[in-house]
């Protein structure tokens, strides 16, 4: 069994489907603006689905960052945890929904489901083909990043703003090398 990652922050979404790219936009902003502490891996998972299984099944805790179909106005922040996660990933209206459901089911089948899975996201306005997010969702991205930082801090893994990076916090390049990308 390989070494476990304490916390995996996984941005998900399809950047060619307008607001469905919110999770990817958030993860890139997080990586640009913060240095992840040792024990945290932040990754753009896009729509890779089962290809992400080695990352998920080696993580103790997973924070999925994504657009989330839910009741409320576009751009509303959403937090889903615990028993609500499987239902949420199966009932989503996103083009990559099945990939996320399969990913979590695969980890469960391998008896490697993370100890904790949390979804942080925003409600999309549109998931039609297009490269730009709608104004409400674009405006919600900075708060989504703040929420990821807050969750990591609460878990004991506070990211540092990039300008305050020290040797205990990795760079995006370090994370990419660690993952072999």
N, C-alpha and C. Protein backbone atom coordinates (compact mmCIF):
# COMPACT_ATOMS: atom_id res chain seq x y z
N UNK A 1 0.84 -1.18 0.00
CA UNK A 1 0.00 0.00 0.00
C UNK A 1 0.89 1.24 0.00
N UNK A 2 0.58 2.20 -0.84
CA UNK A 2 1.40 3.40 -0.94
C UNK A 2 1.10 4.34 0.22
N UNK A 3 1.98 5.31 0.40
CA UNK A 3 1.83 6.31 1.45
C UNK A 3 0.55 7.11 1.26
N UNK A 4 -0.16 7.34 2.35
CA UNK A 4 -1.41 8.09 2.26
C UNK A 4 -1.16 9.59 2.29
N UNK A 5 -1.96 10.30 1.49
CA UNK A 5 -1.97 11.76 1.49
C UNK A 5 -2.97 12.19 2.55
N UNK A 6 -2.57 13.03 3.49
CA UNK A 6 -3.53 13.47 4.50
C UNK A 6 -4.75 14.18 3.91
N UNK A 7 -4.54 15.13 2.99
CA UNK A 7 -5.66 15.86 2.41
C UNK A 7 -5.43 16.07 0.91
N UNK A 8 -6.43 15.67 0.13
CA UNK A 8 -6.44 15.92 -1.31
C UNK A 8 -7.52 16.95 -1.59
N UNK A 9 -7.14 18.04 -2.25
CA UNK A 9 -8.11 19.04 -2.70
C UNK A 9 -8.19 18.87 -4.21
N UNK A 10 -9.35 18.47 -4.67
CA UNK A 10 -9.52 18.08 -6.07
C UNK A 10 -10.53 18.98 -6.75
N UNK A 11 -10.03 19.82 -7.67
CA UNK A 11 -10.91 20.66 -8.47
C UNK A 11 -11.49 19.85 -9.61
N UNK A 12 -12.80 19.93 -9.78
CA UNK A 12 -13.49 19.16 -10.81
C UNK A 12 -14.31 20.08 -11.70
N UNK A 13 -14.54 19.66 -12.92
CA UNK A 13 -15.40 20.42 -13.79
C UNK A 13 -14.95 20.38 -15.23
N UNK A 14 -15.81 20.92 -16.06
CA UNK A 14 -15.55 20.96 -17.49
C UNK A 14 -15.46 22.43 -17.92
N UNK A 15 -14.28 22.88 -18.25
CA UNK A 15 -14.05 24.30 -18.56
C UNK A 15 -14.68 24.75 -19.87
N UNK A 16 -15.18 23.83 -20.68
CA UNK A 16 -15.86 24.24 -21.91
C UNK A 16 -17.38 24.23 -21.75
N UNK A 17 -17.83 24.10 -20.51
CA UNK A 17 -19.28 24.13 -20.21
C UNK A 17 -19.57 25.23 -19.19
N UNK A 18 -19.22 26.44 -19.54
CA UNK A 18 -19.45 27.66 -18.75
C UNK A 18 -19.24 27.43 -17.25
N UNK A 19 -20.31 27.48 -16.45
CA UNK A 19 -20.17 27.44 -15.00
C UNK A 19 -19.70 26.10 -14.45
N UNK A 20 -19.75 25.05 -15.25
CA UNK A 20 -19.25 23.76 -14.79
C UNK A 20 -17.75 23.82 -14.54
N UNK A 21 -17.08 24.84 -15.07
CA UNK A 21 -15.65 25.01 -14.85
C UNK A 21 -15.32 25.75 -13.56
N UNK A 22 -16.31 26.01 -12.71
CA UNK A 22 -16.06 26.76 -11.47
C UNK A 22 -15.04 26.08 -10.56
N UNK A 23 -15.12 24.78 -10.43
CA UNK A 23 -14.17 24.06 -9.57
C UNK A 23 -12.75 24.16 -10.08
N UNK A 24 -12.59 24.13 -11.39
CA UNK A 24 -11.26 24.25 -11.99
C UNK A 24 -10.72 25.66 -11.80
N UNK A 25 -11.58 26.66 -12.01
CA UNK A 25 -11.16 28.05 -11.79
C UNK A 25 -10.72 28.25 -10.35
N UNK A 26 -11.47 27.67 -9.42
CA UNK A 26 -11.15 27.83 -8.00
C UNK A 26 -9.83 27.14 -7.65
N UNK A 27 -9.62 25.94 -8.17
CA UNK A 27 -8.38 25.22 -7.81
C UNK A 27 -7.16 25.93 -8.39
N UNK A 28 -7.29 26.49 -9.59
CA UNK A 28 -6.16 27.23 -10.16
C UNK A 28 -5.87 28.51 -9.37
N UNK A 29 -6.91 29.18 -8.93
CA UNK A 29 -6.73 30.38 -8.10
C UNK A 29 -6.09 30.00 -6.77
N UNK A 30 -6.53 28.90 -6.18
CA UNK A 30 -5.95 28.41 -4.93
C UNK A 30 -4.46 28.13 -5.10
N UNK A 31 -4.10 27.41 -6.13
CA UNK A 31 -2.70 27.05 -6.37
C UNK A 31 -1.85 28.28 -6.67
N UNK A 32 -2.42 29.24 -7.39
CA UNK A 32 -1.69 30.47 -7.71
C UNK A 32 -1.45 31.35 -6.49
N UNK A 33 -2.45 31.42 -5.63
CA UNK A 33 -2.41 32.39 -4.55
C UNK A 33 -1.96 31.84 -3.20
N UNK A 34 -1.89 30.51 -3.08
CA UNK A 34 -1.51 29.91 -1.80
C UNK A 34 -0.49 28.80 -2.00
N UNK A 35 0.36 28.66 -1.01
CA UNK A 35 1.29 27.54 -0.94
C UNK A 35 0.65 26.50 -0.04
N UNK A 36 0.54 25.28 -0.54
CA UNK A 36 -0.07 24.21 0.24
C UNK A 36 0.94 23.68 1.26
N UNK A 37 0.49 23.45 2.48
CA UNK A 37 1.40 22.90 3.48
C UNK A 37 1.69 21.42 3.20
N UNK A 38 2.74 20.93 3.81
CA UNK A 38 3.06 19.52 3.68
C UNK A 38 1.85 18.71 4.13
N UNK A 39 1.50 17.72 3.34
CA UNK A 39 0.34 16.89 3.66
C UNK A 39 -0.88 17.22 2.84
N UNK A 40 -0.83 18.31 2.08
CA UNK A 40 -1.96 18.70 1.24
C UNK A 40 -1.53 18.67 -0.21
N UNK A 41 -2.32 18.02 -1.04
CA UNK A 41 -2.09 18.01 -2.48
C UNK A 41 -3.32 18.64 -3.13
N UNK A 42 -3.11 19.67 -3.92
CA UNK A 42 -4.19 20.34 -4.65
C UNK A 42 -4.01 20.05 -6.13
N UNK A 43 -5.07 19.55 -6.78
CA UNK A 43 -4.97 19.07 -8.16
C UNK A 43 -6.18 19.51 -8.99
N UNK A 44 -5.91 19.87 -10.23
CA UNK A 44 -6.95 20.10 -11.23
C UNK A 44 -7.31 18.73 -11.78
N UNK A 45 -8.47 18.21 -11.39
CA UNK A 45 -8.89 16.89 -11.84
C UNK A 45 -9.77 16.93 -13.08
N UNK A 46 -10.18 18.13 -13.48
CA UNK A 46 -10.99 18.28 -14.68
C UNK A 46 -12.16 17.32 -14.72
N UNK A 47 -12.24 16.55 -15.80
CA UNK A 47 -13.30 15.55 -15.97
C UNK A 47 -12.68 14.16 -16.09
N UNK A 48 -11.56 13.94 -15.43
CA UNK A 48 -10.81 12.70 -15.60
C UNK A 48 -11.46 11.46 -14.99
N UNK A 49 -12.45 11.62 -14.13
CA UNK A 49 -13.18 10.48 -13.59
C UNK A 49 -12.31 9.42 -12.97
N UNK A 50 -12.43 8.18 -13.44
CA UNK A 50 -11.71 7.06 -12.83
C UNK A 50 -10.20 7.18 -12.91
N UNK A 51 -9.69 8.01 -13.79
CA UNK A 51 -8.24 8.23 -13.85
C UNK A 51 -7.71 8.83 -12.55
N UNK A 52 -8.60 9.44 -11.78
CA UNK A 52 -8.20 10.07 -10.52
C UNK A 52 -8.23 9.09 -9.34
N UNK A 53 -8.64 7.86 -9.58
CA UNK A 53 -8.78 6.89 -8.50
C UNK A 53 -7.50 6.72 -7.67
N UNK A 54 -6.31 6.64 -8.27
CA UNK A 54 -5.11 6.50 -7.44
C UNK A 54 -4.91 7.66 -6.47
N UNK A 55 -5.33 8.86 -6.87
CA UNK A 55 -5.22 10.01 -5.96
C UNK A 55 -6.23 9.91 -4.82
N UNK A 56 -7.47 9.59 -5.18
CA UNK A 56 -8.53 9.54 -4.18
C UNK A 56 -8.34 8.39 -3.21
N UNK A 57 -7.97 7.21 -3.72
CA UNK A 57 -7.87 6.07 -2.81
C UNK A 57 -6.61 6.10 -1.95
N UNK A 58 -5.73 7.05 -2.19
CA UNK A 58 -4.56 7.19 -1.32
C UNK A 58 -4.70 8.39 -0.38
N UNK A 59 -5.87 9.02 -0.38
CA UNK A 59 -6.09 10.19 0.48
C UNK A 59 -6.92 9.83 1.70
N UNK A 60 -6.54 10.37 2.83
CA UNK A 60 -7.33 10.18 4.05
C UNK A 60 -8.58 11.06 4.02
N UNK A 61 -8.41 12.28 3.50
CA UNK A 61 -9.52 13.22 3.42
C UNK A 61 -9.51 13.86 2.04
N UNK A 62 -10.69 14.07 1.47
CA UNK A 62 -10.80 14.65 0.14
C UNK A 62 -11.78 15.82 0.19
N UNK A 63 -11.34 16.93 -0.38
CA UNK A 63 -12.21 18.08 -0.58
C UNK A 63 -12.40 18.22 -2.09
N UNK A 64 -13.64 17.98 -2.56
CA UNK A 64 -13.96 18.15 -3.96
C UNK A 64 -14.47 19.57 -4.15
N UNK A 65 -13.93 20.27 -5.14
CA UNK A 65 -14.33 21.65 -5.42
C UNK A 65 -14.97 21.63 -6.80
N UNK A 66 -16.25 22.07 -6.87
CA UNK A 66 -17.00 21.82 -8.09
C UNK A 66 -18.22 22.72 -8.17
N UNK A 67 -18.84 22.75 -9.34
CA UNK A 67 -20.17 23.33 -9.49
C UNK A 67 -21.15 22.29 -8.97
N UNK A 68 -22.17 22.74 -8.21
CA UNK A 68 -23.10 21.81 -7.57
C UNK A 68 -24.53 22.22 -7.89
N UNK A 69 -25.27 21.31 -8.51
CA UNK A 69 -26.69 21.55 -8.79
C UNK A 69 -27.45 21.49 -7.47
N UNK A 70 -28.05 22.60 -7.09
CA UNK A 70 -28.80 22.67 -5.84
C UNK A 70 -29.82 23.80 -5.95
N UNK A 71 -30.69 23.88 -4.96
CA UNK A 71 -31.67 24.96 -4.92
C UNK A 71 -30.98 26.25 -4.49
N UNK A 72 -31.33 27.33 -5.15
CA UNK A 72 -30.79 28.63 -4.78
C UNK A 72 -30.33 29.39 -6.00
N UNK A 73 -30.03 30.65 -5.79
CA UNK A 73 -29.59 31.46 -6.92
C UNK A 73 -28.18 31.08 -7.38
N UNK A 74 -27.89 31.30 -8.67
CA UNK A 74 -26.54 31.03 -9.18
C UNK A 74 -25.48 31.77 -8.36
N UNK A 75 -24.38 31.07 -8.10
CA UNK A 75 -23.28 31.64 -7.33
C UNK A 75 -23.37 31.35 -5.85
N UNK A 76 -24.49 30.79 -5.40
CA UNK A 76 -24.64 30.44 -3.99
C UNK A 76 -23.63 29.36 -3.61
N UNK A 77 -23.00 29.55 -2.48
CA UNK A 77 -22.02 28.58 -1.98
C UNK A 77 -22.73 27.35 -1.43
N UNK A 78 -22.16 26.17 -1.69
CA UNK A 78 -22.75 24.90 -1.26
C UNK A 78 -21.68 24.10 -0.53
N UNK A 79 -22.10 23.42 0.53
CA UNK A 79 -21.21 22.54 1.29
C UNK A 79 -21.97 21.23 1.53
N UNK A 80 -21.38 20.12 1.10
CA UNK A 80 -22.00 18.80 1.24
C UNK A 80 -20.97 17.88 1.88
N UNK A 81 -21.41 17.15 2.90
CA UNK A 81 -20.48 16.28 3.60
C UNK A 81 -21.19 15.02 4.08
N UNK A 82 -20.41 14.01 4.38
CA UNK A 82 -20.93 12.79 4.98
C UNK A 82 -21.83 11.99 4.07
N UNK A 83 -22.96 11.54 4.63
CA UNK A 83 -23.89 10.68 3.90
C UNK A 83 -24.54 11.36 2.72
N UNK A 84 -24.50 12.69 2.66
CA UNK A 84 -25.10 13.43 1.55
C UNK A 84 -24.25 13.38 0.28
N UNK A 85 -22.96 13.06 0.40
CA UNK A 85 -22.05 13.10 -0.76
C UNK A 85 -22.45 12.11 -1.85
N UNK A 86 -22.65 10.82 -1.55
CA UNK A 86 -23.01 9.89 -2.64
C UNK A 86 -24.27 10.32 -3.39
N UNK A 87 -25.28 10.74 -2.66
CA UNK A 87 -26.52 11.19 -3.29
C UNK A 87 -26.25 12.40 -4.18
N UNK A 88 -25.47 13.33 -3.68
CA UNK A 88 -25.18 14.55 -4.44
C UNK A 88 -24.47 14.24 -5.75
N UNK A 89 -23.51 13.34 -5.74
CA UNK A 89 -22.76 13.08 -6.98
C UNK A 89 -23.57 12.26 -7.98
N UNK A 90 -24.56 11.53 -7.51
CA UNK A 90 -25.42 10.78 -8.44
C UNK A 90 -26.55 11.62 -9.01
N UNK A 91 -26.96 12.66 -8.30
CA UNK A 91 -28.10 13.47 -8.73
C UNK A 91 -27.71 14.77 -9.41
N UNK A 92 -26.45 15.01 -9.60
CA UNK A 92 -26.00 16.26 -10.20
C UNK A 92 -26.44 16.36 -11.65
N UNK A 93 -26.44 17.56 -12.15
CA UNK A 93 -26.81 17.79 -13.55
C UNK A 93 -25.61 18.19 -14.38
N UNK A 94 -24.45 17.74 -14.00
CA UNK A 94 -23.21 18.15 -14.64
C UNK A 94 -22.74 17.10 -15.64
N UNK A 95 -22.08 17.54 -16.73
CA UNK A 95 -21.58 16.57 -17.71
C UNK A 95 -20.59 15.55 -17.15
N UNK A 96 -19.91 15.86 -16.04
CA UNK A 96 -18.95 14.90 -15.50
C UNK A 96 -19.48 14.16 -14.29
N UNK A 97 -20.79 14.24 -14.01
CA UNK A 97 -21.35 13.64 -12.81
C UNK A 97 -21.05 12.15 -12.67
N UNK A 98 -21.17 11.41 -13.74
CA UNK A 98 -20.97 9.97 -13.63
C UNK A 98 -19.52 9.67 -13.27
N UNK A 99 -18.59 10.43 -13.80
CA UNK A 99 -17.19 10.22 -13.47
C UNK A 99 -16.91 10.36 -11.99
N UNK A 100 -17.51 11.36 -11.34
CA UNK A 100 -17.30 11.57 -9.91
C UNK A 100 -17.96 10.44 -9.12
N UNK A 101 -19.17 10.07 -9.51
CA UNK A 101 -19.85 8.97 -8.84
C UNK A 101 -19.05 7.67 -8.98
N UNK A 102 -18.57 7.40 -10.17
CA UNK A 102 -17.76 6.20 -10.40
C UNK A 102 -16.46 6.24 -9.61
N UNK A 103 -15.86 7.41 -9.53
CA UNK A 103 -14.62 7.59 -8.80
C UNK A 103 -14.80 7.22 -7.32
N UNK A 104 -15.84 7.76 -6.71
CA UNK A 104 -16.09 7.47 -5.29
C UNK A 104 -16.52 6.01 -5.09
N UNK A 105 -17.32 5.49 -6.02
CA UNK A 105 -17.72 4.09 -5.93
C UNK A 105 -16.51 3.17 -6.08
N UNK A 106 -15.59 3.52 -6.98
CA UNK A 106 -14.36 2.73 -7.16
C UNK A 106 -13.53 2.68 -5.90
N UNK A 107 -13.38 3.83 -5.24
CA UNK A 107 -12.62 3.87 -3.99
C UNK A 107 -13.30 3.01 -2.93
N UNK A 108 -14.63 3.03 -2.91
CA UNK A 108 -15.38 2.22 -1.95
C UNK A 108 -15.21 0.73 -2.24
N UNK A 109 -15.30 0.36 -3.52
CA UNK A 109 -15.14 -1.04 -3.90
C UNK A 109 -13.75 -1.58 -3.54
N UNK A 110 -12.76 -0.71 -3.62
CA UNK A 110 -11.40 -1.11 -3.26
C UNK A 110 -11.16 -1.05 -1.76
N UNK A 111 -12.21 -0.71 -1.03
CA UNK A 111 -12.13 -0.52 0.42
C UNK A 111 -11.08 0.54 0.78
N UNK A 112 -11.03 1.58 -0.06
CA UNK A 112 -10.07 2.67 0.13
C UNK A 112 -10.79 4.02 0.12
N UNK A 113 -12.08 4.02 0.45
CA UNK A 113 -12.83 5.27 0.48
C UNK A 113 -12.22 6.16 1.55
N UNK A 114 -12.00 7.43 1.25
CA UNK A 114 -11.39 8.32 2.23
C UNK A 114 -12.20 8.39 3.53
N UNK A 115 -11.51 8.71 4.62
CA UNK A 115 -12.18 8.85 5.92
C UNK A 115 -13.22 9.96 5.88
N UNK A 116 -12.96 10.96 5.06
CA UNK A 116 -13.87 12.10 4.97
C UNK A 116 -13.87 12.63 3.55
N UNK A 117 -15.07 12.86 3.00
CA UNK A 117 -15.22 13.49 1.70
C UNK A 117 -16.14 14.69 1.88
N UNK A 118 -15.69 15.82 1.40
CA UNK A 118 -16.42 17.07 1.50
C UNK A 118 -16.50 17.68 0.11
N UNK A 119 -17.67 18.19 -0.24
CA UNK A 119 -17.82 18.92 -1.51
C UNK A 119 -18.06 20.38 -1.17
N UNK A 120 -17.23 21.24 -1.73
CA UNK A 120 -17.43 22.68 -1.66
C UNK A 120 -17.68 23.15 -3.07
N UNK A 121 -18.71 23.93 -3.26
CA UNK A 121 -19.00 24.37 -4.61
C UNK A 121 -19.90 25.57 -4.67
N UNK A 122 -20.28 25.88 -5.89
CA UNK A 122 -21.22 26.97 -6.15
C UNK A 122 -22.31 26.46 -7.09
N UNK A 123 -23.48 27.06 -6.97
CA UNK A 123 -24.59 26.70 -7.84
C UNK A 123 -24.37 27.36 -9.20
N UNK A 124 -24.39 26.57 -10.27
CA UNK A 124 -24.19 27.14 -11.62
C UNK A 124 -25.45 27.82 -12.14
N UNK A 125 -25.24 28.74 -13.05
CA UNK A 125 -26.35 29.37 -13.76
C UNK A 125 -26.54 28.67 -15.11
N UNK A 126 -25.41 28.26 -15.71
CA UNK A 126 -25.44 27.62 -17.02
C UNK A 126 -24.33 26.59 -17.11
N UNK A 127 -24.64 25.47 -17.75
CA UNK A 127 -23.59 24.49 -18.06
C UNK A 127 -23.60 24.21 -19.56
N UNK A 128 -24.07 25.20 -20.31
CA UNK A 128 -24.06 25.12 -21.77
C UNK A 128 -22.62 25.26 -22.27
N UNK A 129 -22.39 24.87 -23.52
CA UNK A 129 -21.06 25.04 -24.09
C UNK A 129 -20.66 26.51 -24.07
N UNK A 130 -19.46 26.77 -23.62
CA UNK A 130 -18.95 28.13 -23.56
C UNK A 130 -17.73 28.16 -22.65
N UNK A 131 -16.83 29.09 -22.92
CA UNK A 131 -15.57 29.15 -22.17
C UNK A 131 -15.60 30.10 -20.99
N UNK A 132 -16.60 30.96 -20.90
CA UNK A 132 -16.64 31.94 -19.81
C UNK A 132 -17.75 31.61 -18.84
N UNK A 133 -17.44 31.78 -17.56
CA UNK A 133 -18.45 31.56 -16.54
C UNK A 133 -19.39 32.76 -16.48
N UNK A 134 -20.62 32.52 -16.02
CA UNK A 134 -21.59 33.60 -15.88
C UNK A 134 -21.13 34.55 -14.78
N UNK A 135 -21.59 35.80 -14.80
CA UNK A 135 -21.14 36.78 -13.80
C UNK A 135 -21.33 36.34 -12.36
N UNK A 136 -22.47 35.75 -12.03
CA UNK A 136 -22.72 35.34 -10.65
C UNK A 136 -21.73 34.29 -10.17
N UNK A 137 -21.43 33.34 -11.03
CA UNK A 137 -20.50 32.27 -10.65
C UNK A 137 -19.06 32.80 -10.63
N UNK A 138 -18.70 33.61 -11.60
CA UNK A 138 -17.35 34.19 -11.60
C UNK A 138 -17.11 34.99 -10.32
N UNK A 139 -18.11 35.74 -9.89
CA UNK A 139 -17.99 36.55 -8.67
C UNK A 139 -17.89 35.67 -7.42
N UNK A 140 -18.37 34.42 -7.49
CA UNK A 140 -18.35 33.52 -6.34
C UNK A 140 -17.03 32.76 -6.17
N UNK A 141 -16.19 32.76 -7.19
CA UNK A 141 -14.94 31.99 -7.15
C UNK A 141 -14.02 32.41 -5.99
N UNK A 142 -13.76 33.71 -5.77
CA UNK A 142 -12.87 34.07 -4.65
C UNK A 142 -13.37 33.55 -3.30
N UNK A 143 -14.68 33.62 -3.06
CA UNK A 143 -15.22 33.11 -1.79
C UNK A 143 -15.08 31.60 -1.72
N UNK A 144 -15.23 30.90 -2.83
CA UNK A 144 -15.05 29.46 -2.86
C UNK A 144 -13.62 29.10 -2.45
N UNK A 145 -12.66 29.84 -2.96
CA UNK A 145 -11.25 29.61 -2.59
C UNK A 145 -11.05 29.87 -1.10
N UNK A 146 -11.63 30.95 -0.59
CA UNK A 146 -11.53 31.25 0.85
C UNK A 146 -12.10 30.10 1.68
N UNK A 147 -13.19 29.51 1.22
CA UNK A 147 -13.80 28.40 1.96
C UNK A 147 -12.89 27.18 1.97
N UNK A 148 -12.20 26.91 0.87
CA UNK A 148 -11.24 25.81 0.85
C UNK A 148 -10.12 26.08 1.85
N UNK A 149 -9.62 27.30 1.85
CA UNK A 149 -8.56 27.68 2.80
C UNK A 149 -9.06 27.53 4.24
N UNK A 150 -10.28 27.95 4.51
CA UNK A 150 -10.86 27.81 5.85
C UNK A 150 -10.96 26.35 6.26
N UNK A 151 -11.41 25.50 5.35
CA UNK A 151 -11.52 24.06 5.66
C UNK A 151 -10.14 23.46 5.95
N UNK A 152 -9.17 23.78 5.11
CA UNK A 152 -7.82 23.26 5.33
C UNK A 152 -7.26 23.73 6.67
N UNK A 153 -7.49 24.99 6.99
CA UNK A 153 -7.02 25.55 8.25
C UNK A 153 -7.69 24.83 9.43
N UNK A 154 -8.98 24.59 9.33
CA UNK A 154 -9.70 23.88 10.39
C UNK A 154 -9.18 22.45 10.57
N UNK A 155 -8.68 21.86 9.49
CA UNK A 155 -8.11 20.51 9.55
C UNK A 155 -6.68 20.50 10.08
N UNK A 156 -6.12 21.69 10.29
CA UNK A 156 -4.74 21.78 10.78
C UNK A 156 -3.70 21.91 9.69
N UNK A 157 -4.13 22.25 8.47
CA UNK A 157 -3.25 22.41 7.33
C UNK A 157 -3.45 23.79 6.71
N UNK A 158 -3.05 24.84 7.41
CA UNK A 158 -3.30 26.19 6.87
C UNK A 158 -2.40 26.54 5.68
N UNK A 159 -2.99 26.82 4.53
CA UNK A 159 -2.19 27.30 3.39
C UNK A 159 -1.69 28.71 3.69
N UNK A 160 -0.55 29.03 3.14
CA UNK A 160 -0.01 30.39 3.29
C UNK A 160 -0.17 31.14 1.98
N UNK A 161 -0.54 32.42 2.07
CA UNK A 161 -0.52 33.21 0.83
C UNK A 161 0.84 33.07 0.17
N UNK A 162 0.87 33.01 -1.14
CA UNK A 162 2.11 32.74 -1.88
C UNK A 162 3.27 33.64 -1.49
N UNK A 163 2.99 34.91 -1.22
CA UNK A 163 4.08 35.82 -0.86
C UNK A 163 4.70 35.48 0.49
N UNK A 164 4.02 34.65 1.31
CA UNK A 164 4.54 34.25 2.62
C UNK A 164 5.06 32.82 2.63
N UNK A 165 5.25 32.25 1.46
CA UNK A 165 5.65 30.85 1.35
C UNK A 165 6.97 30.60 2.08
N UNK A 166 7.01 29.49 2.79
CA UNK A 166 8.26 29.07 3.41
C UNK A 166 8.52 27.62 3.01
N UNK A 167 9.58 27.03 3.55
CA UNK A 167 9.97 25.70 3.10
C UNK A 167 9.01 24.59 3.52
N UNK A 168 8.13 24.85 4.50
CA UNK A 168 7.18 23.82 4.91
C UNK A 168 5.95 23.79 4.01
N UNK A 169 5.86 24.77 3.09
CA UNK A 169 4.74 24.84 2.16
C UNK A 169 5.25 24.65 0.75
N UNK A 170 4.60 23.79 0.01
CA UNK A 170 5.05 23.47 -1.35
C UNK A 170 4.51 24.44 -2.39
N UNK A 171 5.16 24.43 -3.51
CA UNK A 171 4.72 25.24 -4.65
C UNK A 171 3.88 24.38 -5.57
N UNK A 172 3.19 25.02 -6.50
CA UNK A 172 2.42 24.28 -7.50
C UNK A 172 3.35 23.38 -8.30
N UNK A 173 4.55 23.85 -8.60
CA UNK A 173 5.51 23.05 -9.36
C UNK A 173 5.90 21.81 -8.56
N UNK A 174 6.06 21.98 -7.23
CA UNK A 174 6.39 20.84 -6.39
C UNK A 174 5.26 19.80 -6.42
N UNK A 175 4.02 20.28 -6.35
CA UNK A 175 2.88 19.37 -6.39
C UNK A 175 2.85 18.62 -7.72
N UNK A 176 3.09 19.33 -8.81
CA UNK A 176 3.09 18.69 -10.14
C UNK A 176 4.18 17.64 -10.23
N UNK A 177 5.37 17.94 -9.70
CA UNK A 177 6.45 16.95 -9.72
C UNK A 177 6.09 15.74 -8.86
N UNK A 178 5.48 15.99 -7.70
CA UNK A 178 5.09 14.91 -6.81
C UNK A 178 4.12 13.96 -7.51
N UNK A 179 3.22 14.52 -8.31
CA UNK A 179 2.23 13.70 -9.00
C UNK A 179 2.73 13.13 -10.31
N UNK A 180 3.93 13.53 -10.71
CA UNK A 180 4.50 13.03 -11.95
C UNK A 180 3.89 13.64 -13.19
N UNK A 181 3.41 14.88 -13.08
CA UNK A 181 2.85 15.56 -14.26
C UNK A 181 3.72 16.70 -14.69
